């Protein structure tokens, strides 16, 4: 499926959930791996604020892309953030959504326009 680049330069992104391993199979506890590199994947929760609106997002990043110094509630940068629409059918139920993935998650300063 097509990926859509997400422009983050005008947004404020705050960490709401610390990085944790992304689980591929809840029954076995298997950790998700990148299909190309085989590297373990992590999930982070963020709130994305832009133009007076906010969204809670779960973002997948490779384990090597998780930087030191992340603080809950603190601003973060998500270089290479992309959105990928997905759809699946399980037990006759159709589900769909948008998955977010970034190359890394790192501490960031608040944009000058944040007015904090």
C-alpha atoms as a PDB file:
ATOM      1  CA  UNK A   1       0.000   0.000   0.000  1.00  0.00           C
ATOM      2  CA  UNK A   2       0.984   3.599  -0.477  1.00  0.00           C
ATOM      3  CA  UNK A   3       2.666   5.521   2.329  1.00  0.00           C
ATOM      4  CA  UNK A   4       1.998   9.207   2.879  1.00  0.00           C
ATOM      5  CA  UNK A   5       4.700  11.463   4.324  1.00  0.00           C
ATOM      6  CA  UNK A   6       3.534  13.489   7.320  1.00  0.00           C
ATOM      7  CA  UNK A   7       4.911  17.024   7.540  1.00  0.00           C
ATOM      8  CA  UNK A   8       5.661  17.741  11.212  1.00  0.00           C
ATOM      9  CA  UNK A   9       7.486  21.098  11.101  1.00  0.00           C
ATOM     10  CA  UNK A  10       4.410  23.102  12.229  1.00  0.00           C
ATOM     11  CA  UNK A  11       3.284  20.534  14.821  1.00  0.00           C
ATOM     12  CA  UNK A  12       4.018  20.024  18.487  1.00  0.00           C
ATOM     13  CA  UNK A  13       4.428  16.340  19.338  1.00  0.00           C
ATOM     14  CA  UNK A  14       4.443  15.249  22.979  1.00  0.00           C
ATOM     15  CA  UNK A  15       5.290  11.810  24.359  1.00  0.00           C
ATOM     16  CA  UNK A  16       2.308  10.174  26.113  1.00  0.00           C
ATOM     17  CA  UNK A  17       3.543   6.552  26.339  1.00  0.00           C
ATOM     18  CA  UNK A  18       7.129   5.400  26.732  1.00  0.00           C
ATOM     19  CA  UNK A  19       8.593   3.124  24.036  1.00  0.00           C
ATOM     20  CA  UNK A  20       7.579  -0.517  24.444  1.00  0.00           C
ATOM     21  CA  UNK A  21       8.080  -3.568  22.225  1.00  0.00           C
ATOM     22  CA  UNK A  22       5.438  -3.912  19.523  1.00  0.00           C
ATOM     23  CA  UNK A  23       3.726  -7.274  19.973  1.00  0.00           C
ATOM     24  CA  UNK A  24       2.969  -9.156  16.757  1.00  0.00           C
ATOM     25  CA  UNK A  25       1.006 -12.021  18.330  1.00  0.00           C
ATOM     26  CA  UNK A  26      -0.705 -11.418  21.678  1.00  0.00           C
ATOM     27  CA  UNK A  27      -1.204 -15.135  22.308  1.00  0.00           C
ATOM     28  CA  UNK A  28       2.479 -16.048  21.978  1.00  0.00           C
ATOM     29  CA  UNK A  29       3.991 -12.682  22.942  1.00  0.00           C
ATOM     30  CA  UNK A  30       6.012 -12.636  19.703  1.00  0.00           C
ATOM     31  CA  UNK A  31       7.648  -9.235  19.129  1.00  0.00           C
ATOM     32  CA  UNK A  32       7.121  -7.605  15.714  1.00  0.00           C
ATOM     33  CA  UNK A  33      10.190  -7.353  13.465  1.00  0.00           C
ATOM     34  CA  UNK A  34      10.937  -5.162  10.472  1.00  0.00           C
ATOM     35  CA  UNK A  35      10.245  -7.167   7.316  1.00  0.00           C
ATOM     36  CA  UNK A  36      13.445  -5.979   5.614  1.00  0.00           C
ATOM     37  CA  UNK A  37      16.033  -5.683   8.403  1.00  0.00           C
ATOM     38  CA  UNK A  38      14.647  -8.117  10.974  1.00  0.00           C
ATOM     39  CA  UNK A  39      15.128  -5.479  13.689  1.00  0.00           C
ATOM     40  CA  UNK A  40      12.702  -5.467  16.638  1.00  0.00           C
ATOM     41  CA  UNK A  41       9.997  -2.782  16.456  1.00  0.00           C
ATOM     42  CA  UNK A  42       8.843  -0.489  19.249  1.00  0.00           C
ATOM     43  CA  UNK A  43       5.632   1.514  19.747  1.00  0.00           C
ATOM     44  CA  UNK A  44       5.373   4.959  21.294  1.00  0.00           C
ATOM     45  CA  UNK A  45       2.288   6.964  22.118  1.00  0.00           C
ATOM     46  CA  UNK A  46       2.223  10.646  21.223  1.00  0.00           C
ATOM     47  CA  UNK A  47      -0.212  13.512  21.058  1.00  0.00           C
ATOM     48  CA  UNK A  48       0.089  15.411  17.774  1.00  0.00           C
ATOM     49  CA  UNK A  49      -0.928  19.095  18.083  1.00  0.00           C
ATOM     50  CA  UNK A  50      -1.355  21.321  15.052  1.00  0.00           C
ATOM     51  CA  UNK A  51      -3.638  24.234  14.156  1.00  0.00           C
ATOM     52  CA  UNK A  52      -5.561  24.007  17.440  1.00  0.00           C
ATOM     53  CA  UNK A  53      -6.404  20.322  16.981  1.00  0.00           C
ATOM     54  CA  UNK A  54      -4.936  17.243  18.635  1.00  0.00           C
ATOM     55  CA  UNK A  55      -4.740  13.540  17.848  1.00  0.00           C
ATOM     56  CA  UNK A  56      -3.465  10.628  19.899  1.00  0.00           C
ATOM     57  CA  UNK A  57      -1.223   8.402  17.780  1.00  0.00           C
ATOM     58  CA  UNK A  58       0.611   5.119  18.228  1.00  0.00           C
ATOM     59  CA  UNK A  59       3.822   5.275  16.195  1.00  0.00           C
ATOM     60  CA  UNK A  60       6.070   2.333  15.317  1.00  0.00           C
ATOM     61  CA  UNK A  61       9.838   2.902  15.302  1.00  0.00           C
ATOM     62  CA  UNK A  62      12.793   0.522  14.981  1.00  0.00           C
ATOM     63  CA  UNK A  63      14.445  -0.315  18.300  1.00  0.00           C
ATOM     64  CA  UNK A  64      17.686   1.399  17.195  1.00  0.00           C
ATOM     65  CA  UNK A  65      15.695   4.612  16.529  1.00  0.00           C
ATOM     66  CA  UNK A  66      14.673   5.091  20.166  1.00  0.00           C
ATOM     67  CA  UNK A  67      16.831   7.867  21.641  1.00  0.00           C
ATOM     68  CA  UNK A  68      17.919   8.334  25.249  1.00  0.00           C
ATOM     69  CA  UNK A  69      16.443  11.203  27.262  1.00  0.00           C
ATOM     70  CA  UNK A  70      12.776  10.774  26.354  1.00  0.00           C
ATOM     71  CA  UNK A  71      10.439  12.129  29.050  1.00  0.00           C
ATOM     72  CA  UNK A  72       6.702  11.577  29.404  1.00  0.00           C
ATOM     73  CA  UNK A  73       4.925  14.791  28.459  1.00  0.00           C
ATOM     74  CA  UNK A  74       8.057  16.109  26.788  1.00  0.00           C
ATOM     75  CA  UNK A  75       8.319  17.228  23.175  1.00  0.00           C
ATOM     76  CA  UNK A  76       9.672  14.702  20.683  1.00  0.00           C
ATOM     77  CA  UNK A  77      10.707  14.631  17.041  1.00  0.00           C
ATOM     78  CA  UNK A  78       9.591  11.844  14.692  1.00  0.00           C
ATOM     79  CA  UNK A  79      11.884  12.056  11.651  1.00  0.00           C
ATOM     80  CA  UNK A  80      10.593  10.269   8.574  1.00  0.00           C
ATOM     81  CA  UNK A  81       7.008  10.023   9.891  1.00  0.00           C
ATOM     82  CA  UNK A  82       4.697   8.331   7.387  1.00  0.00           C
ATOM     83  CA  UNK A  83       1.062   7.211   7.447  1.00  0.00           C
ATOM     84  CA  UNK A  84      -0.055   3.988   5.801  1.00  0.00           C
ATOM     85  CA  UNK A  85      -3.744   3.082   5.368  1.00  0.00           C
ATOM     86  CA  UNK A  86      -4.561  -0.573   6.147  1.00  0.00           C
ATOM     87  CA  UNK A  87      -7.539  -2.897   5.929  1.00  0.00           C
ATOM     88  CA  UNK A  88      -8.094  -6.474   7.044  1.00  0.00           C
ATOM     89  CA  UNK A  89     -10.871  -9.016   7.457  1.00  0.00           C
ATOM     90  CA  UNK A  90     -10.911 -11.247  10.551  1.00  0.00           C
ATOM     91  CA  UNK A  91     -13.770 -13.624  11.359  1.00  0.00           C
ATOM     92  CA  UNK A  92     -15.872 -11.921   8.707  1.00  0.00           C
ATOM     93  CA  UNK A  93     -15.350  -8.494  10.272  1.00  0.00           C
ATOM     94  CA  UNK A  94     -13.767  -5.806   8.132  1.00  0.00           C
ATOM     95  CA  UNK A  95     -11.374  -3.455   9.961  1.00  0.00           C
ATOM     96  CA  UNK A  96      -9.403  -0.497   8.693  1.00  0.00           C
ATOM     97  CA  UNK A  97      -7.241   2.318   9.966  1.00  0.00           C
ATOM     98  CA  UNK A  98      -4.037   4.250   9.549  1.00  0.00           C
ATOM     99  CA  UNK A  99      -0.671   2.987  10.809  1.00  0.00           C
ATOM    100  CA  UNK A 100       2.072   5.485  11.623  1.00  0.00           C
ATOM    101  CA  UNK A 101       5.780   4.741  11.384  1.00  0.00           C
ATOM    102  CA  UNK A 102       8.886   6.880  11.909  1.00  0.00           C
ATOM    103  CA  UNK A 103      12.591   6.305  11.485  1.00  0.00           C
ATOM    104  CA  UNK A 104      13.219   7.418  15.082  1.00  0.00           C
ATOM    105  CA  UNK A 105      11.852   9.128  18.181  1.00  0.00           C
ATOM    106  CA  UNK A 106      14.058  11.703  19.896  1.00  0.00           C
ATOM    107  CA  UNK A 107      13.708  14.558  22.397  1.00  0.00           C
ATOM    108  CA  UNK A 108      12.939  17.890  20.722  1.00  0.00           C
ATOM    109  CA  UNK A 109      12.480  21.523  21.643  1.00  0.00           C
ATOM    110  CA  UNK A 110       9.062  23.137  21.444  1.00  0.00           C
ATOM    111  CA  UNK A 111       8.451  25.127  18.237  1.00  0.00           C
ATOM    112  CA  UNK A 112       8.575  28.914  18.703  1.00  0.00           C
ATOM    113  CA  UNK A 113       4.882  29.139  17.734  1.00  0.00           C
ATOM    114  CA  UNK A 114       3.809  26.736  20.516  1.00  0.00           C
ATOM    115  CA  UNK A 115       3.293  29.585  22.972  1.00  0.00           C
ATOM    116  CA  UNK A 116       3.878  27.404  26.031  1.00  0.00           C
END
